[in-house]
């Protein structure tokens, strides 16, 4: 399961497969996979908030130009994104 991956100077966080859209440019509609990560499609369960945080703690988040919430879905579809103060506690983790 690929939760985070690097591309250029950025860190990408793959949070969900859920998406109500059908965007023309989206990889999930036009490709068999990503060029920048192994497998972004979650078979079965998506990662929990705890699994995402554990993956992030393995990285030096201050070393990235941007942290991008992405994946084969719309990140805002995840229930754990609803609380803007929680946002995986990334802001708090970065400032530690």
Foldseek 3Di string as FASTA:
>chain_A
DDQWFDDDQEIEGLFDLAAPDDDPPACVNPHPDDPGDDHQDDDDDTDDLVVNLVVPVVDLNVRGPYYHYHTNYDNCPDPQVPPVVPNSCPVVVNVD
